[in-house]
Amino acid sequence: MAAAVVVVIFTITPDGQLSVLLIERAAAPEQGRWALPGGALLDGESLDGAAVRKLRDETGVADVYLEQLFTFDRLGGGLADVVVTYFALVDHARTRLRPDLEWRPQWHAVRGLPPVAFENERVVEYAERRLRNKLEYTNVVYSLLPSRFTLTEMQRVYEAILGEEMDKRNFRRRVVGLGIVRETGATRKQGAHRPAMLYEFSVREPMSV
């Protein structure tokens, strides 16, 4: 039975959009259409190892949030009988996409995907739901932000994922109350406004609250 690994790689692009990395297929099947990064396992490679390899190959980073998502039984007539999917979260500023013209990688806004191959829209939708749910009880967004950030920057990440605006006061009370972030004692000057407090995650690895 042929198995493959597919990785849904999310980021927040500079325009504030929750976006996913897609690859323009340069060969049949589905040549010319966009698809999630993925492929067969190498000899002796584990599922997790294959997911980490694809993440590093496509973005240049690997020390980020990565979780097994779901196992699909053939996706849209693809070449694999079983497709094990993962999702990852990366800080856009850290990524370095491959410059290749063939099998070209590109970020696409989740809300407005182009036509994709192999029913990959099902995988993206599933991963997006999982991510939204995790906002309620984990620190998962640590992987989408730099080491230090303002609460306004953090709120924008939540809003990009949820697709809606949040009340500033309630958001700050909630995330500070959960204990997933803490003040650093440093501030950042932003235009004519008074300096904003910089925060950091209490733990920069997966945790539940």
C-alpha atoms as a PDB file:
ATOM      1  CA  MET A   1       0.000   0.000   0.000  1.00  0.00           C
ATOM      2  CA  ALA A   2       1.498   3.310  -1.113  1.00  0.00           C
ATOM      3  CA  ALA A   3       1.584   6.074   1.513  1.00  0.00           C
ATOM      4  CA  ALA A   4       2.423   9.750   1.249  1.00  0.00           C
ATOM      5  CA  VAL A   5       2.797  12.705   3.586  1.00  0.00           C
ATOM      6  CA  VAL A   6       1.199  16.101   2.922  1.00  0.00           C
ATOM      7  CA  VAL A   7       1.893  19.222   5.025  1.00  0.00           C
ATOM      8  CA  VAL A   8      -0.429  22.215   5.444  1.00  0.00           C
ATOM      9  CA  ILE A   9       1.939  25.115   6.201  1.00  0.00           C
ATOM     10  CA  PHE A  10       0.172  28.188   7.574  1.00  0.00           C
ATOM     11  CA  THR A  11       1.584  31.679   8.053  1.00  0.00           C
ATOM     12  CA  ILE A  12       0.317  35.227   8.501  1.00  0.00           C
ATOM     13  CA  THR A  13       1.484  37.250   5.493  1.00  0.00           C
ATOM     14  CA  PRO A  14       2.445  40.949   5.830  1.00  0.00           C
ATOM     15  CA  ASP A  15      -1.006  41.978   4.582  1.00  0.00           C
ATOM     16  CA  GLY A  16      -2.541  40.272   7.629  1.00  0.00           C
ATOM     17  CA  GLN A  17      -3.969  37.225   5.833  1.00  0.00           C
ATOM     18  CA  LEU A  18      -3.941  33.662   7.119  1.00  0.00           C
ATOM     19  CA  SER A  19      -2.171  31.999   4.198  1.00  0.00           C
ATOM     20  CA  VAL A  20      -1.140  28.498   3.163  1.00  0.00           C
ATOM     21  CA  LEU A  21       1.815  27.362   1.075  1.00  0.00           C
ATOM     22  CA  LEU A  22       0.918  25.739  -2.246  1.00  0.00           C
ATOM     23  CA  ILE A  23       3.133  24.286  -4.975  1.00  0.00           C
ATOM     24  CA  GLU A  24       2.412  24.728  -8.684  1.00  0.00           C
ATOM     25  CA  ARG A  25       2.607  21.219 -10.137  1.00  0.00           C
ATOM     26  CA  ALA A  26       5.026  20.901 -13.060  1.00  0.00           C
ATOM     27  CA  ALA A  27       4.071  17.360 -14.111  1.00  0.00           C
ATOM     28  CA  ALA A  28       1.084  15.059 -14.489  1.00  0.00           C
ATOM     29  CA  PRO A  29      -1.232  14.318 -12.864  1.00  0.00           C
ATOM     30  CA  GLU A  30      -2.865  17.725 -12.346  1.00  0.00           C
ATOM     31  CA  GLN A  31      -0.035  19.583 -14.094  1.00  0.00           C
ATOM     32  CA  GLY A  32      -0.371  23.352 -13.750  1.00  0.00           C
ATOM     33  CA  ARG A  33      -2.651  23.185 -10.718  1.00  0.00           C
ATOM     34  CA  TRP A  34      -1.741  24.107  -7.160  1.00  0.00           C
ATOM     35  CA  ALA A  35      -1.269  21.498  -4.432  1.00  0.00           C
ATOM     36  CA  LEU A  36      -0.033  21.199  -0.867  1.00  0.00           C
ATOM     37  CA  PRO A  37       3.623  20.212  -0.350  1.00  0.00           C
ATOM     38  CA  GLY A  38       4.031  16.483   0.020  1.00  0.00           C
ATOM     39  CA  GLY A  39       5.333  13.251  -1.381  1.00  0.00           C
ATOM     40  CA  ALA A  40       6.334   9.687  -0.673  1.00  0.00           C
ATOM     41  CA  LEU A  41       8.497   8.653   2.247  1.00  0.00           C
ATOM     42  CA  LEU A  42      12.198   8.029   1.660  1.00  0.00           C
ATOM     43  CA  ASP A  43      13.624   4.592   2.468  1.00  0.00           C
ATOM     44  CA  GLY A  44      13.598   4.085   6.227  1.00  0.00           C
ATOM     45  CA  GLU A  45      11.986   7.465   6.859  1.00  0.00           C
ATOM     46  CA  SER A  46       9.285   7.923   9.509  1.00  0.00           C
ATOM     47  CA  LEU A  47       6.078   9.868   8.921  1.00  0.00           C
ATOM     48  CA  ASP A  48       7.212  12.652  11.265  1.00  0.00           C
ATOM     49  CA  GLY A  49      10.613  12.700   9.596  1.00  0.00           C
ATOM     50  CA  ALA A  50       9.055  13.101   6.161  1.00  0.00           C
ATOM     51  CA  ALA A  51       6.881  15.978   7.396  1.00  0.00           C
ATOM     52  CA  VAL A  52       9.877  17.780   8.926  1.00  0.00           C
ATOM     53  CA  ARG A  53      11.845  17.274   5.699  1.00  0.00           C
ATOM     54  CA  LYS A  54       9.082  18.747   3.527  1.00  0.00           C
ATOM     55  CA  LEU A  55       8.686  21.694   5.906  1.00  0.00           C
ATOM     56  CA  ARG A  56      12.411  22.442   5.868  1.00  0.00           C
ATOM     57  CA  ASP A  57      12.719  21.989   2.096  1.00  0.00           C
ATOM     58  CA  GLU A  58       9.870  24.395   1.362  1.00  0.00           C
ATOM     59  CA  THR A  59      10.357  27.097   4.015  1.00  0.00           C
ATOM     60  CA  GLY A  60      13.902  26.753   5.346  1.00  0.00           C
ATOM     61  CA  VAL A  61      12.688  26.257   8.932  1.00  0.00           C
ATOM     62  CA  ALA A  62      11.921  23.190  11.011  1.00  0.00           C
ATOM     63  CA  ASP A  63      11.890  24.224  14.693  1.00  0.00           C
ATOM     64  CA  VAL A  64       8.230  25.279  14.560  1.00  0.00           C
ATOM     65  CA  TYR A  65       4.818  23.975  15.561  1.00  0.00           C
ATOM     66  CA  LEU A  66       4.114  20.752  13.643  1.00  0.00           C
ATOM     67  CA  GLU A  67       1.300  18.314  14.372  1.00  0.00           C
ATOM     68  CA  GLN A  68      -0.136  15.248  12.677  1.00  0.00           C
ATOM     69  CA  LEU A  69      -3.579  16.159  11.435  1.00  0.00           C
ATOM     70  CA  PHE A  70      -5.523  13.303   9.848  1.00  0.00           C
ATOM     71  CA  THR A  71      -5.138  10.256   7.601  1.00  0.00           C
ATOM     72  CA  PHE A  72      -7.087  10.323   4.334  1.00  0.00           C
ATOM     73  CA  ASP A  73      -7.917   7.316   2.166  1.00  0.00           C
ATOM     74  CA  ARG A  74      -6.858   8.465  -1.333  1.00  0.00           C
ATOM     75  CA  LEU A  75      -7.294  12.144  -2.026  1.00  0.00           C
ATOM     76  CA  GLY A  76      -8.788  13.056  -5.386  1.00  0.00           C
ATOM     77  CA  GLY A  77      -7.304  10.108  -7.242  1.00  0.00           C
ATOM     78  CA  GLY A  78      -3.749  10.840  -6.152  1.00  0.00           C
ATOM     79  CA  LEU A  79      -0.891   8.375  -6.508  1.00  0.00           C
ATOM     80  CA  ALA A  80      -0.937   7.269  -2.843  1.00  0.00           C
ATOM     81  CA  ASP A  81      -3.497   4.938  -1.267  1.00  0.00           C
ATOM     82  CA  VAL A  82      -3.076   6.564   2.148  1.00  0.00           C
ATOM     83  CA  VAL A  83      -2.231  10.232   2.736  1.00  0.00           C
ATOM     84  CA  VAL A  84      -1.073  11.213   6.227  1.00  0.00           C
ATOM     85  CA  THR A  85      -1.496  14.945   6.681  1.00  0.00           C
ATOM     86  CA  TYR A  86       0.257  17.368   9.028  1.00  0.00           C
ATOM     87  CA  PHE A  87      -0.098  21.058   9.715  1.00  0.00           C
ATOM     88  CA  ALA A  88       2.628  23.530  10.636  1.00  0.00           C
ATOM     89  CA  LEU A  89       2.745  27.187  11.691  1.00  0.00           C
ATOM     90  CA  VAL A  90       5.624  29.431  10.628  1.00  0.00           C
ATOM     91  CA  ASP A  91       6.600  33.058  11.216  1.00  0.00           C
ATOM     92  CA  HIS A  92       6.555  34.607   7.734  1.00  0.00           C
ATOM     93  CA  ALA A  93       9.671  36.680   8.443  1.00  0.00           C
ATOM     94  CA  ARG A  94      11.718  33.507   9.004  1.00  0.00           C
ATOM     95  CA  THR A  95      10.696  31.666   5.853  1.00  0.00           C
ATOM     96  CA  ARG A  96      12.783  31.423   2.688  1.00  0.00           C
ATOM     97  CA  LEU A  97      10.806  29.844  -0.127  1.00  0.00           C
ATOM     98  CA  ARG A  98      12.603  27.940  -2.865  1.00  0.00           C
ATOM     99  CA  PRO A  99      13.304  30.209  -5.873  1.00  0.00           C
ATOM    100  CA  ASP A 100      12.536  27.410  -8.361  1.00  0.00           C
ATOM    101  CA  LEU A 101      10.462  28.247 -11.419  1.00  0.00           C
ATOM    102  CA  GLU A 102       9.314  24.630 -11.719  1.00  0.00           C
ATOM    103  CA  TRP A 103       7.269  23.253  -8.819  1.00  0.00           C
ATOM    104  CA  ARG A 104       7.000  26.897  -7.765  1.00  0.00           C
ATOM    105  CA  PRO A 105       5.987  27.565  -4.127  1.00  0.00           C
ATOM    106  CA  GLN A 106       3.711  30.487  -3.289  1.00  0.00           C
ATOM    107  CA  TRP A 107       1.640  31.708  -0.344  1.00  0.00           C
ATOM    108  CA  HIS A 108      -2.117  31.864  -0.960  1.00  0.00           C
ATOM    109  CA  ALA A 109      -4.751  33.423   1.301  1.00  0.00           C
ATOM    110  CA  VAL A 110      -6.843  30.657   2.869  1.00  0.00           C
ATOM    111  CA  ARG A 111     -10.016  32.644   2.226  1.00  0.00           C
ATOM    112  CA  GLY A 112      -9.737  32.713  -1.554  1.00  0.00           C
ATOM    113  CA  LEU A 113      -7.772  29.646  -2.643  1.00  0.00           C
ATOM    114  CA  PRO A 114      -7.238  28.964  -6.347  1.00  0.00           C
ATOM    115  CA  PRO A 115      -8.484  25.631  -7.757  1.00  0.00           C
ATOM    116  CA  VAL A 116      -6.319  22.948  -6.129  1.00  0.00           C
ATOM    117  CA  ALA A 117      -5.391  19.381  -7.016  1.00  0.00           C
ATOM    118  CA  PHE A 118      -6.251  16.130  -5.231  1.00  0.00           C
ATOM    119  CA  GLU A 119      -9.083  17.572  -3.135  1.00  0.00           C
ATOM    120  CA  ASN A 120      -6.488  19.500  -1.143  1.00  0.00           C
ATOM    121  CA  GLU A 121      -9.149  22.054  -0.198  1.00  0.00           C
ATOM    122  CA  ARG A 122     -10.557  19.391   2.170  1.00  0.00           C
ATOM    123  CA  VAL A 123      -7.207  19.147   3.939  1.00  0.00           C
ATOM    124  CA  VAL A 124      -6.835  22.934   4.242  1.00  0.00           C
ATOM    125  CA  GLU A 125     -10.370  23.271   5.647  1.00  0.00           C
ATOM    126  CA  TYR A 126      -9.720  20.513   8.189  1.00  0.00           C
ATOM    127  CA  ALA A 127      -6.426  22.100   9.265  1.00  0.00           C
ATOM    128  CA  GLU A 128      -8.007  25.546   9.559  1.00  0.00           C
ATOM    129  CA  ARG A 129     -10.731  24.172  11.859  1.00  0.00           C
ATOM    130  CA  ARG A 130      -8.118  22.441  14.008  1.00  0.00           C
ATOM    131  CA  LEU A 131      -6.114  25.665  14.276  1.00  0.00           C
ATOM    132  CA  ARG A 132      -9.147  27.726  15.280  1.00  0.00           C
ATOM    133  CA  ASN A 133     -10.060  25.216  17.976  1.00  0.00           C
ATOM    134  CA  LYS A 134      -6.536  25.238  19.367  1.00  0.00           C
ATOM    135  CA  LEU A 135      -6.712  28.978  20.000  1.00  0.00           C
ATOM    136  CA  GLU A 136      -9.109  28.220  22.842  1.00  0.00           C
ATOM    137  CA  TYR A 137      -6.799  26.089  24.947  1.00  0.00           C
ATOM    138  CA  THR A 138      -3.184  26.218  23.692  1.00  0.00           C
ATOM    139  CA  ASN A 139      -0.329  28.643  23.025  1.00  0.00           C
ATOM    140  CA  VAL A 140      -0.173  27.465  19.396  1.00  0.00           C
ATOM    141  CA  VAL A 141       0.347  30.957  17.908  1.00  0.00           C
ATOM    142  CA  TYR A 142       3.856  31.164  19.405  1.00  0.00           C
ATOM    143  CA  SER A 143       5.097  29.743  16.108  1.00  0.00           C
ATOM    144  CA  LEU A 144       3.531  32.594  14.104  1.00  0.00           C
ATOM    145  CA  LEU A 145       5.175  35.422  16.064  1.00  0.00           C
ATOM    146  CA  PRO A 146       8.750  36.613  16.693  1.00  0.00           C
ATOM    147  CA  SER A 147      10.386  36.119  20.088  1.00  0.00           C
ATOM    148  CA  ARG A 148       9.106  39.530  21.293  1.00  0.00           C
ATOM    149  CA  PHE A 149       5.890  41.193  20.193  1.00  0.00           C
ATOM    150  CA  THR A 150       3.179  43.586  21.280  1.00  0.00           C
ATOM    151  CA  LEU A 151      -0.262  42.394  22.315  1.00  0.00           C
ATOM    152  CA  THR A 152      -1.648  44.284  19.333  1.00  0.00           C
ATOM    153  CA  GLU A 153       0.504  42.159  17.022  1.00  0.00           C
ATOM    154  CA  MET A 154      -0.669  39.019  18.802  1.00  0.00           C
ATOM    155  CA  GLN A 155      -4.301  40.107  18.528  1.00  0.00           C
ATOM    156  CA  ARG A 156      -3.903  40.598  14.775  1.00  0.00           C
ATOM    157  CA  VAL A 157      -2.726  36.997  14.460  1.00  0.00           C
ATOM    158  CA  TYR A 158      -5.834  35.761  16.289  1.00  0.00           C
ATOM    159  CA  GLU A 159      -8.046  37.951  14.104  1.00  0.00           C
ATOM    160  CA  ALA A 160      -6.397  36.655  10.930  1.00  0.00           C
ATOM    161  CA  ILE A 161      -7.055  33.071  11.981  1.00  0.00           C
ATOM    162  CA  LEU A 162     -10.628  33.666  13.147  1.00  0.00           C
ATOM    163  CA  GLY A 163     -11.534  36.050  10.340  1.00  0.00           C
ATOM    164  CA  GLU A 164     -13.114  38.567  12.687  1.00  0.00           C
ATOM    165  CA  GLU A 165     -12.183  41.540  14.846  1.00  0.00           C
ATOM    166  CA  MET A 166     -11.807  41.105  18.591  1.00  0.00           C
ATOM    167  CA  ASP A 167     -12.364  43.536  21.451  1.00  0.00           C
ATOM    168  CA  LYS A 168      -8.951  44.808  22.479  1.00  0.00           C
ATOM    169  CA  ARG A 169      -9.595  44.926  26.220  1.00  0.00           C
ATOM    170  CA  ASN A 170     -11.179  41.478  26.403  1.00  0.00           C
ATOM    171  CA  PHE A 171      -8.401  39.968  24.298  1.00  0.00           C
ATOM    172  CA  ARG A 172      -5.662  41.352  26.524  1.00  0.00           C
ATOM    173  CA  ARG A 173      -7.424  40.214  29.687  1.00  0.00           C
ATOM    174  CA  ARG A 174      -7.854  36.733  28.262  1.00  0.00           C
ATOM    175  CA  VAL A 175      -4.355  36.010  26.956  1.00  0.00           C
ATOM    176  CA  VAL A 176      -2.608  37.503  29.985  1.00  0.00           C
ATOM    177  CA  GLY A 177      -4.991  35.653  32.301  1.00  0.00           C
ATOM    178  CA  LEU A 178      -4.243  32.339  30.596  1.00  0.00           C
ATOM    179  CA  GLY A 179      -0.576  32.729  31.502  1.00  0.00           C
ATOM    180  CA  ILE A 180       0.720  31.956  28.007  1.00  0.00           C
ATOM    181  CA  VAL A 181       2.505  35.331  27.682  1.00  0.00           C
ATOM    182  CA  ARG A 182       4.424  37.596  30.049  1.00  0.00           C
ATOM    183  CA  GLU A 183       5.841  41.112  29.987  1.00  0.00           C
ATOM    184  CA  THR A 184       9.518  41.436  29.062  1.00  0.00           C
ATOM    185  CA  GLY A 185      10.040  44.839  30.677  1.00  0.00           C
ATOM    186  CA  ALA A 186      11.056  46.268  27.297  1.00  0.00           C
ATOM    187  CA  THR A 187       8.990  48.583  25.115  1.00  0.00           C
ATOM    188  CA  ARG A 188       8.832  49.571  21.446  1.00  0.00           C
ATOM    189  CA  LYS A 189       8.128  53.037  20.111  1.00  0.00           C
ATOM    190  CA  GLN A 190       5.380  53.008  17.465  1.00  0.00           C
ATOM    191  CA  GLY A 191       4.920  56.291  15.594  1.00  0.00           C
ATOM    192  CA  ALA A 192       3.424  59.115  17.642  1.00  0.00           C
ATOM    193  CA  HIS A 193       1.914  56.707  20.184  1.00  0.00           C
ATOM    194  CA  ARG A 194       3.438  56.010  23.561  1.00  0.00           C
ATOM    195  CA  PRO A 195       5.847  53.037  23.660  1.00  0.00           C
ATOM    196  CA  ALA A 196       4.100  49.662  23.658  1.00  0.00           C
ATOM    197  CA  MET A 197       5.036  46.915  26.100  1.00  0.00           C
ATOM    198  CA  LEU A 198       6.778  43.934  24.537  1.00  0.00           C
ATOM    199  CA  TYR A 199       5.674  40.452  25.534  1.00  0.00           C
ATOM    200  CA  GLU A 200       7.052  36.963  25.103  1.00  0.00           C
ATOM    201  CA  PHE A 201       5.540  33.502  25.382  1.00  0.00           C
ATOM    202  CA  SER A 202       6.017  31.826  28.743  1.00  0.00           C
ATOM    203  CA  VAL A 203       7.006  28.695  26.814  1.00  0.00           C
ATOM    204  CA  ARG A 204       7.944  28.551  23.134  1.00  0.00           C
ATOM    205  CA  GLU A 205       6.814  24.993  22.679  1.00  0.00           C
ATOM    206  CA  PRO A 206       3.364  23.401  22.609  1.00  0.00           C
ATOM    207  CA  MET A 207       1.400  23.702  25.849  1.00  0.00           C
ATOM    208  CA  SER A 208      -2.261  23.511  26.867  1.00  0.00           C
ATOM    209  CA  VAL A 209      -3.946  25.829  29.376  1.00  0.00           C
END
